[in-house]
Amino acid sequence: MSMTRREALRGLMAVPLTGHGGVTRQTARESELIVCGWDEVFILALGEGPAPSHRKVWSWRAADSPEIAADMRPLFRTTDDCKPVDGGRRILISSSAGAVALIDRQTRRASFVARVTNAHSIEMLPGERIAAAASVSTAGSGNRIVVFDAAAKELASDELRSAHGAVWDESRGVLWALGGDVLRAYGVGAPGGSTTLDRRFEIALPDQGGHDLVPLPGSPRLFLSTERRCFYFDRDRRQLSPHDTLGDRPGIKCYNVHRSTGRVVYVQAEGSDWWAEHLHFAQPEGTLRLPGEHLYKARWV
C-alpha cells in the first residue's frame, strides 16, 4: 500500500467515541484488536461472524510521538509486537528495525523509548520496568533478553539466542522468555530492589525457531509457535504438547485468545513473505483480508 493511500485511509477512519483514558467505547458485539507489522500500529473494532465487519478506530506512527527523536523514528518502520497494558490505555510496541516504546493511546505520546537491536517482543514488569527481546544480530547487543527501568536505563540482560517472546507471569513471579531453541523462566527481583535475570527453569524446544509466546486466559498454559509447528506449554506440569488445531501449521507469527469471548486470532505468513494480508479467526472460524497490509502481530485489547 502506498503512503498516499495509507494516509487517505487514515483520514477516513471512524472517529472513536472515547471514555476515560481515551479508550474507545465499542458498539454492541464489537471487540478491539491491535495490529502491527509495518510502520503503522492500528486498532480495529471488529464485529462477529466468519467475515467480521471492521473499522479503524486508532492509528499510530512514530512521527505521532514528539518524544521520539527524528533519527529514531525510522527504527519503528517494521513493528512486530503491540501489547495493550492498563486495559488498553497504553500500548507496548517493538520493532525489528531496532527500537521499543510505550505509547499513551489517548495522546499518542511516548512515555518510554529505547533502542533494542532487532527487537521482537516487549513486556511490562512490576515497578514500571520493561523487558524486551533482542533477536538475531551480528552486533553484540542482539540475542538477549534485556530489562529497562521507566527512564529507559538498562538494568539487566541475559544471553538468549534469537530472543522472540516475553511474558510476565504474575502468579508465579517469573518472566517467561522464548528463544530460538529454548523456553526459559527468569526471576527479575522485586520492584524497588535489585533487578536481575536469574534463570529459574528452561526447556528445549522440539523444533527450531521459537516465535510467538502468549498466555492463554484462565489457564496455566502458554501458547508458543516455532518455524513449523505450534505448542502448548503447561506452566504447572512444565510440559510441552502439540497445539490441538495448529500443531502442524508452519509460519504462525502470532496467536491470541480474547479474554472474555474466547475468540482466537492468528496470523500465518503467506508465500515466501514474513507478513500476511489476512487475519484468521477461530471460535468462530473466519478470515479478514486487509489488502496491502503487512500483518505480523495481532493482540486483543
Protein backbone atom coordinates (compact mmCIF):
# COMPACT_ATOMS: atom_id res chain seq x y z
CA MET A 1 0.00 0.00 0.00
CA SER A 2 1.44 3.39 -0.92
CA MET A 3 1.87 6.04 1.73
CA THR A 4 -0.66 8.21 -0.10
CA ARG A 5 -3.32 5.54 0.07
CA ARG A 6 -2.47 4.76 3.69
CA GLU A 7 -2.83 8.37 4.67
CA ALA A 8 -6.14 8.55 2.85
CA LEU A 9 -7.42 5.51 4.74
CA ARG A 10 -6.23 7.03 7.97
CA GLY A 11 -8.14 10.21 7.27
CA LEU A 12 -11.31 8.28 6.56
CA MET A 13 -11.17 6.06 9.62
CA ALA A 14 -14.02 6.25 12.08
CA VAL A 15 -13.72 8.86 14.80
CA PRO A 16 -13.54 6.96 18.12
CA LEU A 17 -16.02 7.57 20.89
CA THR A 18 -13.76 7.88 23.90
CA GLY A 19 -14.30 7.33 27.58
CA HIS A 20 -11.83 7.64 30.44
CA GLY A 21 -8.20 7.50 29.28
CA GLY A 22 -9.10 7.67 25.58
CA VAL A 23 -10.30 4.07 25.42
CA THR A 24 -12.80 3.69 22.60
CA ARG A 25 -16.35 2.79 23.59
CA GLN A 26 -17.30 -0.16 21.43
CA THR A 27 -20.70 -0.67 19.90
CA ALA A 28 -22.59 -3.84 20.79
CA ARG A 29 -20.79 -7.05 19.89
CA GLU A 30 -17.57 -5.37 18.80
CA SER A 31 -14.10 -6.33 20.02
CA GLU A 32 -10.95 -4.26 19.62
CA LEU A 33 -7.81 -5.72 18.06
CA ILE A 34 -4.38 -4.08 17.95
CA VAL A 35 -2.50 -4.91 14.74
CA CYS A 36 1.08 -4.22 13.64
CA GLY A 37 3.70 -5.32 11.15
CA TRP A 38 4.84 -2.29 9.20
CA ASP A 39 5.35 1.38 10.12
CA GLU A 40 1.79 1.74 11.44
CA VAL A 41 0.19 0.26 14.55
CA PHE A 42 -3.60 0.44 14.43
CA ILE A 43 -6.70 -0.72 16.26
CA LEU A 44 -9.69 -2.33 14.57
CA ALA A 45 -13.16 -2.55 16.06
CA LEU A 46 -14.35 -5.96 14.85
CA GLY A 47 -17.82 -7.37 14.58
CA GLU A 48 -18.74 -11.02 14.92
CA GLY A 49 -19.13 -13.76 12.34
CA PRO A 50 -16.91 -15.50 9.75
CA ALA A 51 -16.19 -12.29 7.83
CA PRO A 52 -16.32 -9.69 10.61
CA SER A 53 -17.15 -6.08 9.93
CA HIS A 54 -14.27 -3.81 10.81
CA ARG A 55 -13.42 -0.16 11.24
CA LYS A 56 -10.16 1.50 12.12
CA VAL A 57 -10.57 3.44 15.36
CA TRP A 58 -6.97 4.35 16.19
CA SER A 59 -3.63 4.60 14.43
CA TRP A 60 -0.05 5.42 15.38
CA ARG A 61 3.25 6.03 13.67
CA ALA A 62 6.49 7.09 15.29
CA ALA A 63 6.11 10.63 13.93
CA ASP A 64 2.97 10.99 16.08
CA SER A 65 5.11 10.98 19.24
CA PRO A 66 7.27 14.10 19.62
CA GLU A 67 9.25 12.31 22.36
CA ILE A 68 10.71 10.00 19.69
CA ALA A 69 13.67 11.81 18.15
CA ALA A 70 13.66 12.22 14.39
CA ASP A 71 16.68 9.96 13.97
CA MET A 72 14.90 7.18 15.91
CA ARG A 73 11.62 7.25 14.01
CA PRO A 74 12.89 5.02 11.16
CA LEU A 75 13.61 2.37 13.81
CA PHE A 76 9.84 1.84 14.06
CA ARG A 77 9.39 1.07 10.35
CA THR A 78 8.89 -2.67 10.97
CA THR A 79 6.78 -3.02 14.10
CA ASP A 80 6.47 -6.62 15.29
CA ASP A 81 4.62 -6.59 18.61
CA CYS A 82 1.84 -4.43 20.05
CA LYS A 83 0.59 -5.30 23.53
CA PRO A 84 -2.10 -3.44 25.46
CA VAL A 85 -1.47 -2.54 29.11
CA ASP A 86 -3.72 -0.83 31.65
CA GLY A 87 -6.84 -2.05 29.90
CA GLY A 88 -5.64 -0.71 26.57
CA ARG A 89 -4.89 2.80 27.79
CA ARG A 90 -1.22 2.26 26.95
CA ILE A 91 0.37 0.14 24.22
CA LEU A 92 3.79 -1.51 24.23
CA ILE A 93 5.37 -1.53 20.77
CA SER A 94 8.51 -3.27 19.50
CA SER A 95 10.16 -3.05 16.09
CA SER A 96 12.72 -5.29 14.44
CA ALA A 97 14.32 -2.19 12.93
CA GLY A 98 15.72 -1.55 16.40
CA ALA A 99 13.51 0.13 18.99
CA VAL A 100 10.74 -0.27 21.59
CA ALA A 101 8.26 2.21 23.06
CA LEU A 102 5.34 2.65 25.45
CA ILE A 103 2.60 4.81 23.91
CA ASP A 104 -0.37 6.51 25.56
CA ARG A 105 -3.43 5.70 23.48
CA GLN A 106 -5.25 8.98 24.02
CA THR A 107 -2.35 11.38 23.43
CA ARG A 108 -0.06 9.16 21.30
CA ARG A 109 2.82 10.42 23.41
CA ALA A 110 5.70 8.10 24.27
CA SER A 111 6.49 7.75 27.98
CA PHE A 112 9.30 5.26 27.23
CA VAL A 113 11.60 4.82 24.21
CA ALA A 114 14.72 2.68 23.93
CA ARG A 115 16.98 1.24 21.26
CA VAL A 116 16.87 -2.57 21.17
CA THR A 117 18.65 -4.46 18.41
CA ASN A 118 16.21 -6.47 16.27
CA ALA A 119 13.51 -6.15 18.95
CA HIS A 120 10.83 -8.82 18.57
CA SER A 121 8.72 -8.52 21.71
CA ILE A 122 8.19 -6.34 24.75
CA GLU A 123 6.57 -6.89 28.14
CA MET A 124 5.65 -4.82 31.20
CA LEU A 125 7.13 -5.96 34.51
CA PRO A 126 6.26 -4.91 38.07
CA GLY A 127 7.57 -1.50 39.08
CA GLU A 128 7.12 0.02 35.59
CA ARG A 129 10.11 -1.95 34.35
CA ILE A 130 10.04 -3.12 30.75
CA ALA A 131 11.54 -6.29 29.27
CA ALA A 132 12.43 -6.61 25.59
CA ALA A 133 13.54 -9.50 23.39
CA ALA A 134 16.50 -8.66 21.14
CA SER A 135 16.73 -11.22 18.35
CA VAL A 136 19.45 -12.38 15.94
CA SER A 137 22.14 -9.83 15.14
CA THR A 138 25.84 -9.70 14.41
CA ALA A 139 26.00 -6.78 16.83
CA GLY A 140 26.86 -7.57 20.42
CA SER A 141 23.58 -6.09 21.59
CA GLY A 142 21.41 -8.78 19.97
CA ASN A 143 20.48 -12.32 21.04
CA ARG A 144 19.41 -11.41 24.57
CA ILE A 145 16.64 -10.50 26.99
CA VAL A 146 17.06 -7.01 28.45
CA VAL A 147 15.23 -5.16 31.23
CA PHE A 148 14.91 -1.35 31.46
CA ASP A 149 13.58 0.99 34.09
CA ALA A 150 10.86 3.55 33.29
CA ALA A 151 13.54 6.06 32.23
CA ALA A 152 14.95 3.59 29.65
CA LYS A 153 18.05 2.83 31.69
CA GLU A 154 19.24 -0.75 31.16
CA LEU A 155 19.07 -2.70 34.41
CA ALA A 156 19.86 -6.30 33.44
CA SER A 157 20.31 -8.61 30.48
CA ASP A 158 20.95 -12.26 29.70
CA GLU A 159 22.03 -14.08 26.56
CA LEU A 160 19.15 -15.72 24.68
CA ARG A 161 19.77 -16.70 21.08
CA SER A 162 17.11 -15.41 18.69
CA ALA A 163 15.01 -13.99 21.53
CA HIS A 164 11.44 -13.61 20.28
CA GLY A 165 8.93 -13.70 23.12
CA ALA A 166 8.41 -12.35 26.64
CA VAL A 167 5.50 -12.92 29.07
CA TRP A 168 5.30 -11.78 32.69
CA ASP A 169 3.71 -14.41 34.94
CA GLU A 170 2.30 -12.59 37.95
CA SER A 171 1.11 -15.64 39.87
CA ARG A 172 4.46 -17.46 39.56
CA GLY A 173 6.60 -14.34 39.81
CA VAL A 174 8.69 -15.10 36.72
CA LEU A 175 9.34 -13.75 33.25
CA TRP A 176 8.93 -16.38 30.54
CA ALA A 177 11.23 -15.77 27.56
CA LEU A 178 11.25 -17.60 24.23
CA GLY A 179 14.44 -18.04 22.23
CA GLY A 180 15.29 -19.84 19.02
CA ASP A 181 15.59 -23.23 20.69
CA VAL A 182 14.62 -22.82 24.36
CA LEU A 183 11.87 -21.54 26.66
CA ARG A 184 13.13 -20.01 29.90
CA ALA A 185 11.72 -18.66 33.17
CA TYR A 186 13.56 -15.79 34.89
CA GLY A 187 13.32 -14.24 38.31
CA VAL A 188 13.61 -10.47 37.93
CA GLY A 189 13.85 -9.19 41.51
CA ALA A 190 11.31 -7.17 43.47
CA PRO A 191 10.32 -3.63 42.43
CA GLY A 192 12.50 -1.07 44.16
CA GLY A 193 15.26 -3.60 44.74
CA SER A 194 18.00 -5.00 42.54
CA THR A 195 16.79 -6.09 39.11
CA THR A 196 18.20 -9.42 37.94
CA LEU A 197 17.61 -12.02 35.26
CA ASP A 198 18.02 -15.17 37.32
CA ARG A 199 17.44 -18.35 35.32
CA ARG A 200 14.87 -20.45 37.20
CA PHE A 201 13.86 -23.03 34.57
CA GLU A 202 14.36 -23.89 30.92
CA ILE A 203 13.16 -26.47 28.45
CA ALA A 204 14.47 -27.22 24.97
CA LEU A 205 12.03 -26.66 22.12
CA PRO A 206 11.13 -29.69 19.98
CA ASP A 207 11.52 -27.55 16.86
CA GLN A 208 13.76 -24.64 15.83
CA GLY A 209 12.77 -21.02 15.55
CA GLY A 210 10.75 -20.06 18.62
CA HIS A 211 8.46 -17.25 17.55
CA ASP A 212 5.32 -16.18 19.43
CA LEU A 213 4.68 -16.65 23.14
CA VAL A 214 1.37 -15.74 24.81
CA PRO A 215 -0.58 -16.84 27.90
CA LEU A 216 -3.99 -18.47 27.50
CA PRO A 217 -6.59 -16.67 29.66
CA GLY A 218 -7.67 -18.58 32.74
CA SER A 219 -5.23 -21.41 32.06
CA PRO A 220 -1.75 -22.49 33.22
CA ARG A 221 -0.83 -22.97 29.56
CA LEU A 222 1.24 -20.77 27.29
CA PHE A 223 0.92 -20.89 23.51
CA LEU A 224 4.18 -20.91 21.58
CA SER A 225 4.95 -21.20 17.90
CA THR A 226 8.11 -22.22 16.05
CA GLU A 227 9.03 -22.12 12.37
CA ARG A 228 6.99 -25.22 11.54
CA ARG A 229 4.76 -26.09 14.50
CA CYS A 230 2.68 -24.80 17.40
CA PHE A 231 2.61 -25.99 21.01
CA TYR A 232 1.11 -25.57 24.46
CA PHE A 233 3.38 -25.31 27.47
CA ASP A 234 1.79 -26.20 30.81
CA ARG A 235 3.41 -23.95 33.44
CA ASP A 236 2.33 -26.21 36.31
CA ARG A 237 3.41 -29.52 34.83
CA ARG A 238 6.34 -27.95 32.93
CA GLN A 239 5.42 -29.95 29.83
CA LEU A 240 5.10 -29.18 26.12
CA SER A 241 2.34 -30.68 23.97
CA PRO A 242 1.17 -30.12 20.37
CA HIS A 243 -1.49 -27.48 19.82
CA ASP A 244 -4.83 -29.13 19.19
CA THR A 245 -5.63 -27.37 15.88
CA LEU A 246 -2.41 -25.62 14.77
CA GLY A 247 0.07 -28.28 15.83
CA ASP A 248 1.47 -28.87 12.35
CA ARG A 249 0.85 -25.38 10.96
CA PRO A 250 4.08 -23.59 9.89
CA GLY A 251 4.75 -19.87 9.87
CA ILE A 252 2.37 -18.82 12.65
CA LYS A 253 3.51 -15.32 13.51
CA CYS A 254 1.04 -14.67 16.30
CA TYR A 255 -1.84 -16.21 18.24
CA ASN A 256 -4.14 -14.54 20.74
CA VAL A 257 -7.27 -15.53 22.67
CA HIS A 258 -9.85 -12.93 23.70
CA ARG A 259 -10.17 -12.97 27.48
CA SER A 260 -13.98 -12.56 27.52
CA THR A 261 -15.29 -14.14 24.31
CA GLY A 262 -12.66 -16.85 23.77
CA ARG A 263 -12.32 -15.89 20.12
CA VAL A 264 -8.92 -16.71 18.62
CA VAL A 265 -7.00 -14.56 16.16
CA TYR A 266 -3.80 -15.64 14.42
CA VAL A 267 -1.55 -14.56 11.57
CA GLN A 268 0.18 -17.02 9.25
CA ALA A 269 2.94 -15.90 6.89
CA GLU A 270 1.90 -16.00 3.24
CA GLY A 271 4.10 -17.34 0.46
CA SER A 272 7.76 -16.52 0.97
CA ASP A 273 6.98 -13.33 2.90
CA TRP A 274 7.25 -12.84 6.66
CA TRP A 275 3.93 -10.97 6.68
CA ALA A 276 0.35 -11.58 5.61
CA GLU A 277 -2.72 -9.73 4.36
CA HIS A 278 -5.15 -11.94 6.29
CA LEU A 279 -6.28 -12.20 9.90
CA HIS A 280 -7.55 -15.69 10.70
CA PHE A 281 -10.10 -16.40 13.41
CA ALA A 282 -11.35 -19.42 15.32
CA GLN A 283 -14.23 -19.90 17.73
CA PRO A 284 -15.96 -18.99 15.44
CA GLU A 285 -13.94 -19.57 12.28
CA GLY A 286 -13.40 -16.60 10.00
CA THR A 287 -10.98 -14.62 7.86
CA LEU A 288 -10.48 -10.92 7.27
CA ARG A 289 -8.32 -9.65 4.41
CA LEU A 290 -6.68 -6.24 4.63
CA PRO A 291 -5.23 -5.69 1.13
CA GLY A 292 -1.79 -4.10 1.01
CA GLU A 293 -1.07 -4.51 4.71
CA HIS A 294 1.96 -6.26 6.21
CA LEU A 295 0.34 -8.02 9.17
CA TYR A 296 2.59 -9.68 11.72
CA LYS A 297 1.09 -9.50 15.22
CA ALA A 298 -2.47 -9.02 16.43
CA ARG A 299 -3.46 -8.67 20.10
CA TRP A 300 -6.93 -8.32 21.59
CA VAL A 301 -7.45 -5.27 23.79
